[in-house]
Protein backbone atom coordinates (compact mmCIF):
# COMPACT_ATOMS: atom_id res chain seq x y z
CA MET A 1 26.68 -3.36 26.70
CA LEU A 2 29.90 -5.13 26.05
CA TYR A 3 30.44 -8.59 26.90
CA ALA A 4 33.63 -10.98 26.60
CA ILE A 5 32.08 -14.40 25.36
CA ILE A 6 36.08 -16.42 26.81
CA SER A 7 36.32 -20.24 25.26
CA GLU A 8 38.64 -22.57 26.14
CA ASP A 9 39.40 -25.79 23.52
CA VAL A 10 38.47 -29.55 23.54
CA PRO A 11 42.95 -30.94 23.40
CA ASN A 12 43.38 -31.48 19.70
CA SER A 13 40.05 -29.59 18.94
CA LEU A 14 42.66 -28.04 15.53
CA PRO A 15 40.37 -30.67 13.01
CA ARG A 16 37.53 -30.31 14.33
CA ARG A 17 37.96 -26.12 14.04
CA LYS A 18 39.63 -27.27 10.83
CA VAL A 19 35.73 -27.78 9.87
CA ALA A 20 33.48 -26.13 11.62
CA ARG A 21 35.44 -22.41 10.79
CA PRO A 22 34.12 -21.33 7.69
CA ASP A 23 30.62 -21.57 9.71
CA HIS A 24 32.32 -19.90 12.75
CA ILE A 25 33.23 -16.80 11.16
CA LYS A 26 29.80 -16.12 8.71
CA ARG A 27 28.48 -15.14 12.27
CA LEU A 28 31.33 -13.41 13.32
CA ASP A 29 31.02 -11.86 10.10
CA GLU A 30 27.46 -10.59 10.59
CA LEU A 31 28.19 -8.78 14.21
CA MET A 32 31.07 -7.78 12.26
CA ALA A 33 28.14 -6.29 9.79
CA GLN A 34 25.91 -4.36 12.53
CA GLY A 35 29.15 -2.83 14.45
CA ARG A 36 28.47 -4.82 17.54
CA ILE A 37 32.97 -6.79 17.61
CA VAL A 38 34.94 -4.81 19.93
CA LEU A 39 38.22 -7.17 19.30
CA GLY A 40 37.97 -11.01 18.76
CA GLY A 41 40.16 -14.10 17.80
CA PRO A 42 41.66 -17.37 19.19
CA HIS A 43 44.65 -17.89 21.39
CA PRO A 44 47.64 -19.84 20.06
CA ALA A 45 48.74 -23.03 21.70
CA ILE A 46 52.18 -22.08 21.14
CA ASP A 47 53.84 -18.42 21.14
CA SER A 48 53.70 -17.50 18.11
CA SER A 49 50.68 -15.94 16.02
CA GLU A 50 50.54 -18.63 12.95
CA PRO A 51 50.80 -21.50 15.21
CA GLY A 52 50.26 -24.51 12.20
CA GLU A 53 49.44 -27.64 13.57
CA ALA A 54 49.56 -26.86 17.91
CA GLY A 55 46.28 -24.72 16.89
CA PHE A 56 44.42 -22.84 19.38
CA THR A 57 43.32 -23.19 22.78
CA GLY A 58 40.28 -20.62 22.72
CA SER A 59 38.74 -17.89 21.59
CA LEU A 60 37.76 -14.54 23.36
CA LEU A 61 35.10 -11.96 21.47
CA VAL A 62 34.38 -9.08 23.04
CA ALA A 63 30.83 -7.69 21.98
CA GLU A 64 27.52 -5.90 22.53
CA PHE A 65 24.52 -8.43 22.62
CA ASP A 66 21.97 -6.45 24.66
CA SER A 67 21.52 -8.52 28.23
CA LEU A 68 23.45 -11.34 29.12
CA GLU A 69 21.33 -13.95 28.47
CA ALA A 70 21.50 -12.98 24.25
CA ALA A 71 25.12 -13.05 24.61
CA GLN A 72 25.07 -16.87 26.84
CA ALA A 73 22.68 -17.40 23.96
CA TRP A 74 24.35 -16.57 20.67
CA ALA A 75 27.45 -17.89 22.43
CA GLN A 76 25.92 -21.80 23.24
CA ASP A 77 25.15 -21.41 19.40
CA ASP A 78 28.46 -21.08 17.93
CA PRO A 79 29.03 -23.57 15.25
CA TYR A 80 32.70 -24.32 17.38
CA VAL A 81 30.28 -25.46 19.93
CA LYS A 82 28.26 -27.71 17.62
CA ALA A 83 31.28 -29.22 16.98
CA GLY A 84 32.73 -29.84 19.79
CA VAL A 85 35.52 -27.44 18.96
CA TYR A 86 34.85 -25.91 22.78
CA GLU A 87 34.99 -27.29 25.66
CA ARG A 88 33.62 -24.27 27.72
CA SER A 89 32.64 -21.07 27.22
CA ILE A 90 32.00 -18.39 29.83
CA VAL A 91 30.25 -15.18 28.73
CA LYS A 92 31.27 -11.95 31.14
CA PRO A 93 30.14 -8.27 30.71
CA PHE A 94 33.15 -6.14 29.87
CA LYS A 95 33.62 -2.37 30.35
CA GLN A 96 35.51 -0.97 27.96
CA VAL A 97 38.33 1.00 29.24
CA CYS A 98 40.89 1.03 27.19
CA PRO A 99 41.40 2.22 24.41
């Protein structure tokens, strides 16, 4: 089943994001290689796809997991959680309608 992982950053998270990003991307690459990601990416803090030093306010990932518990465990093991980038993450079942 698909699950949406909606994460919100702590204030001024950009320096922490930069440090933890390689490990964060490595985990996403593993899910992509397994064909489990529908979409994912960060929320820019300003109305620009390249926010520069304004940074990001959080992230969204929609991916396939075996259960809600598996999706929650995966989200909690994210390097951004360990590095203090994310203030909180919400994991919800997701039903894809479009496209």
